Amino acid sequence: MDKKMIARINELAKKKKAEGLTEAETVEQKELYKVYLAEIRGQFSKTLDNVSIKEADGTVVPFKEAYSKQGQ
């Protein structure tokens, strides 16, 4: 996500609080939030790819693998 998108998100948020948004701006804000959240979720998933869990028996497994075992 580039700085222009973040600046636009912030600009719309300030305007929403101050005076409200037009219907077009509301639609734009929702779309920008979708893109922003997708970016954050992707970054979080990549972070989890680099996290490992040390099991009680001393073995080290990737977090996602350990988490999927827990759900079974």
N, C-alpha and C. Protein backbone atom coordinates (compact mmCIF):
# COMPACT_ATOMS: atom_id res chain seq x y z
N MET A 1 0.86 -1.17 0.00
CA MET A 1 0.00 0.00 0.00
C MET A 1 0.90 1.23 0.00
N ASP A 2 0.62 2.12 -0.89
CA ASP A 2 1.48 3.30 -0.99
C ASP A 2 0.99 4.44 -0.09
N LYS A 3 1.86 5.42 0.05
CA LYS A 3 1.57 6.54 0.96
C LYS A 3 0.36 7.36 0.51
N LYS A 4 0.14 7.42 -0.80
CA LYS A 4 -1.01 8.18 -1.31
C LYS A 4 -2.33 7.56 -0.85
N MET A 5 -2.38 6.21 -0.87
CA MET A 5 -3.61 5.53 -0.43
C MET A 5 -3.86 5.76 1.06
N ILE A 6 -2.82 5.66 1.85
CA ILE A 6 -2.96 5.88 3.28
C ILE A 6 -3.37 7.32 3.56
N ALA A 7 -2.77 8.25 2.83
CA ALA A 7 -3.14 9.66 3.00
C ALA A 7 -4.61 9.88 2.65
N ARG A 8 -5.07 9.21 1.59
CA ARG A 8 -6.48 9.36 1.19
C ARG A 8 -7.41 8.75 2.23
N ILE A 9 -7.04 7.62 2.79
CA ILE A 9 -7.84 7.00 3.86
C ILE A 9 -7.96 7.97 5.03
N ASN A 10 -6.84 8.56 5.43
CA ASN A 10 -6.84 9.50 6.55
C ASN A 10 -7.65 10.75 6.22
N GLU A 11 -7.52 11.23 5.00
CA GLU A 11 -8.27 12.41 4.57
C GLU A 11 -9.78 12.15 4.64
N LEU A 12 -10.21 10.99 4.16
CA LEU A 12 -11.64 10.66 4.20
C LEU A 12 -12.13 10.46 5.63
N ALA A 13 -11.30 9.89 6.48
CA ALA A 13 -11.69 9.68 7.88
C ALA A 13 -11.89 11.03 8.58
N LYS A 14 -10.98 11.97 8.34
CA LYS A 14 -11.10 13.30 8.95
C LYS A 14 -12.34 14.02 8.44
N LYS A 15 -12.57 13.91 7.14
CA LYS A 15 -13.74 14.58 6.55
C LYS A 15 -15.04 13.97 7.09
N LYS A 16 -15.03 12.66 7.25
CA LYS A 16 -16.22 11.98 7.78
C LYS A 16 -16.58 12.51 9.16
N LYS A 17 -15.57 12.69 10.00
CA LYS A 17 -15.81 13.22 11.35
C LYS A 17 -16.23 14.68 11.32
N ALA A 18 -15.63 15.45 10.45
CA ALA A 18 -15.86 16.90 10.43
C ALA A 18 -17.19 17.28 9.79
N GLU A 19 -17.45 16.73 8.61
CA GLU A 19 -18.63 17.21 7.87
C GLU A 19 -19.44 16.11 7.21
N GLY A 20 -18.96 14.89 7.25
CA GLY A 20 -19.65 13.80 6.59
C GLY A 20 -19.13 13.60 5.18
N LEU A 21 -19.46 12.44 4.62
CA LEU A 21 -18.99 12.09 3.29
C LEU A 21 -20.16 12.01 2.31
N THR A 22 -19.84 12.25 1.06
CA THR A 22 -20.84 12.04 0.02
C THR A 22 -20.98 10.53 -0.20
N GLU A 23 -21.97 10.16 -0.95
CA GLU A 23 -22.17 8.74 -1.22
C GLU A 23 -20.97 8.15 -1.97
N ALA A 24 -20.44 8.89 -2.92
CA ALA A 24 -19.27 8.42 -3.68
C ALA A 24 -18.05 8.28 -2.78
N GLU A 25 -17.87 9.21 -1.88
CA GLU A 25 -16.73 9.15 -0.95
C GLU A 25 -16.88 7.97 0.01
N THR A 26 -18.10 7.69 0.42
CA THR A 26 -18.34 6.55 1.30
C THR A 26 -17.97 5.25 0.60
N VAL A 27 -18.34 5.13 -0.66
CA VAL A 27 -17.99 3.94 -1.46
C VAL A 27 -16.47 3.85 -1.61
N GLU A 28 -15.84 4.97 -1.91
CA GLU A 28 -14.39 5.00 -2.05
C GLU A 28 -13.70 4.59 -0.74
N GLN A 29 -14.20 5.10 0.38
CA GLN A 29 -13.62 4.77 1.67
C GLN A 29 -13.72 3.28 1.95
N LYS A 30 -14.87 2.69 1.67
CA LYS A 30 -15.05 1.24 1.89
C LYS A 30 -14.09 0.43 1.04
N GLU A 31 -13.91 0.83 -0.21
CA GLU A 31 -12.98 0.12 -1.08
C GLU A 31 -11.54 0.25 -0.59
N LEU A 32 -11.17 1.45 -0.16
CA LEU A 32 -9.82 1.65 0.36
C LEU A 32 -9.59 0.81 1.63
N TYR A 33 -10.60 0.73 2.49
CA TYR A 33 -10.48 -0.09 3.69
C TYR A 33 -10.30 -1.56 3.32
N LYS A 34 -11.00 -2.04 2.30
CA LYS A 34 -10.85 -3.43 1.87
C LYS A 34 -9.41 -3.71 1.44
N VAL A 35 -8.87 -2.80 0.64
CA VAL A 35 -7.49 -2.95 0.17
C VAL A 35 -6.53 -2.92 1.36
N TYR A 36 -6.75 -1.97 2.26
CA TYR A 36 -5.89 -1.81 3.44
C TYR A 36 -5.92 -3.07 4.31
N LEU A 37 -7.11 -3.58 4.59
CA LEU A 37 -7.22 -4.77 5.43
C LEU A 37 -6.60 -6.00 4.76
N ALA A 38 -6.77 -6.13 3.45
CA ALA A 38 -6.15 -7.24 2.73
C ALA A 38 -4.63 -7.17 2.85
N GLU A 39 -4.09 -5.96 2.76
CA GLU A 39 -2.65 -5.75 2.90
C GLU A 39 -2.18 -6.15 4.30
N ILE A 40 -2.89 -5.70 5.31
CA ILE A 40 -2.53 -6.02 6.69
C ILE A 40 -2.60 -7.53 6.94
N ARG A 41 -3.67 -8.16 6.46
CA ARG A 41 -3.81 -9.61 6.64
C ARG A 41 -2.68 -10.36 5.95
N GLY A 42 -2.30 -9.90 4.77
CA GLY A 42 -1.19 -10.53 4.05
C GLY A 42 0.12 -10.40 4.80
N GLN A 43 0.37 -9.22 5.34
CA GLN A 43 1.59 -9.00 6.12
C GLN A 43 1.61 -9.88 7.37
N PHE A 44 0.45 -9.99 8.02
CA PHE A 44 0.36 -10.80 9.23
C PHE A 44 0.62 -12.27 8.90
N SER A 45 0.05 -12.74 7.80
CA SER A 45 0.26 -14.12 7.38
C SER A 45 1.73 -14.38 7.09
N LYS A 46 2.40 -13.44 6.43
CA LYS A 46 3.83 -13.58 6.16
C LYS A 46 4.63 -13.61 7.46
N THR A 47 4.22 -12.82 8.43
CA THR A 47 4.90 -12.82 9.72
C THR A 47 4.77 -14.18 10.38
N LEU A 48 3.56 -14.75 10.32
CA LEU A 48 3.34 -16.07 10.93
C LEU A 48 4.15 -17.16 10.24
N ASP A 49 4.46 -16.97 8.96
CA ASP A 49 5.31 -17.94 8.26
C ASP A 49 6.70 -18.01 8.86
N ASN A 50 7.11 -16.96 9.56
CA ASN A 50 8.45 -16.92 10.15
C ASN A 50 8.46 -17.22 11.65
N VAL A 51 7.32 -17.61 12.19
CA VAL A 51 7.22 -17.91 13.61
C VAL A 51 7.20 -19.42 13.80
N SER A 52 7.95 -19.88 14.78
CA SER A 52 7.99 -21.31 15.10
C SER A 52 7.59 -21.52 16.56
N ILE A 53 7.08 -22.70 16.82
CA ILE A 53 6.64 -23.08 18.17
C ILE A 53 7.50 -24.24 18.66
N LYS A 54 7.97 -24.13 19.88
CA LYS A 54 8.72 -25.23 20.46
C LYS A 54 7.73 -26.10 21.24
N GLU A 55 7.58 -27.33 20.81
CA GLU A 55 6.65 -28.27 21.44
C GLU A 55 7.21 -28.75 22.77
N ALA A 56 6.35 -29.38 23.55
CA ALA A 56 6.75 -29.90 24.86
C ALA A 56 7.87 -30.93 24.75
N ASP A 57 7.89 -31.68 23.65
CA ASP A 57 8.93 -32.69 23.48
C ASP A 57 10.24 -32.11 22.92
N GLY A 58 10.28 -30.79 22.71
CA GLY A 58 11.50 -30.13 22.27
C GLY A 58 11.58 -29.90 20.77
N THR A 59 10.66 -30.46 20.01
CA THR A 59 10.70 -30.23 18.56
C THR A 59 10.19 -28.83 18.25
N VAL A 60 10.68 -28.29 17.16
CA VAL A 60 10.28 -26.95 16.72
C VAL A 60 9.50 -27.11 15.41
N VAL A 61 8.29 -26.57 15.40
CA VAL A 61 7.45 -26.67 14.20
C VAL A 61 6.97 -25.28 13.82
N PRO A 62 6.72 -25.07 12.53
CA PRO A 62 6.17 -23.78 12.11
C PRO A 62 4.83 -23.51 12.79
N PHE A 63 4.57 -22.24 13.09
CA PHE A 63 3.35 -21.87 13.81
C PHE A 63 2.10 -22.38 13.13
N LYS A 64 2.01 -22.19 11.83
CA LYS A 64 0.79 -22.60 11.12
C LYS A 64 0.56 -24.10 11.23
N GLU A 65 1.64 -24.88 11.22
CA GLU A 65 1.51 -26.33 11.36
C GLU A 65 1.05 -26.68 12.78
N ALA A 66 1.63 -26.04 13.78
CA ALA A 66 1.25 -26.30 15.17
C ALA A 66 -0.19 -25.89 15.41
N TYR A 67 -0.60 -24.77 14.83
CA TYR A 67 -1.96 -24.27 15.00
C TYR A 67 -2.96 -25.20 14.34
N SER A 68 -2.61 -25.76 13.17
CA SER A 68 -3.54 -26.65 12.49
C SER A 68 -3.69 -27.97 13.24
N LYS A 69 -2.65 -28.44 13.94
CA LYS A 69 -2.73 -29.64 14.76
C LYS A 69 -3.68 -29.40 15.93
N GLN A 70 -3.63 -28.22 16.49
CA GLN A 70 -4.44 -27.88 17.66
C GLN A 70 -5.92 -27.96 17.35
N GLY A 71 -6.31 -27.60 16.15
CA GLY A 71 -7.71 -27.61 15.77
C GLY A 71 -8.28 -28.99 15.49
N GLN A 72 -7.42 -30.00 15.40
CA GLN A 72 -7.90 -31.35 15.07
C GLN A 72 -8.45 -32.07 16.25
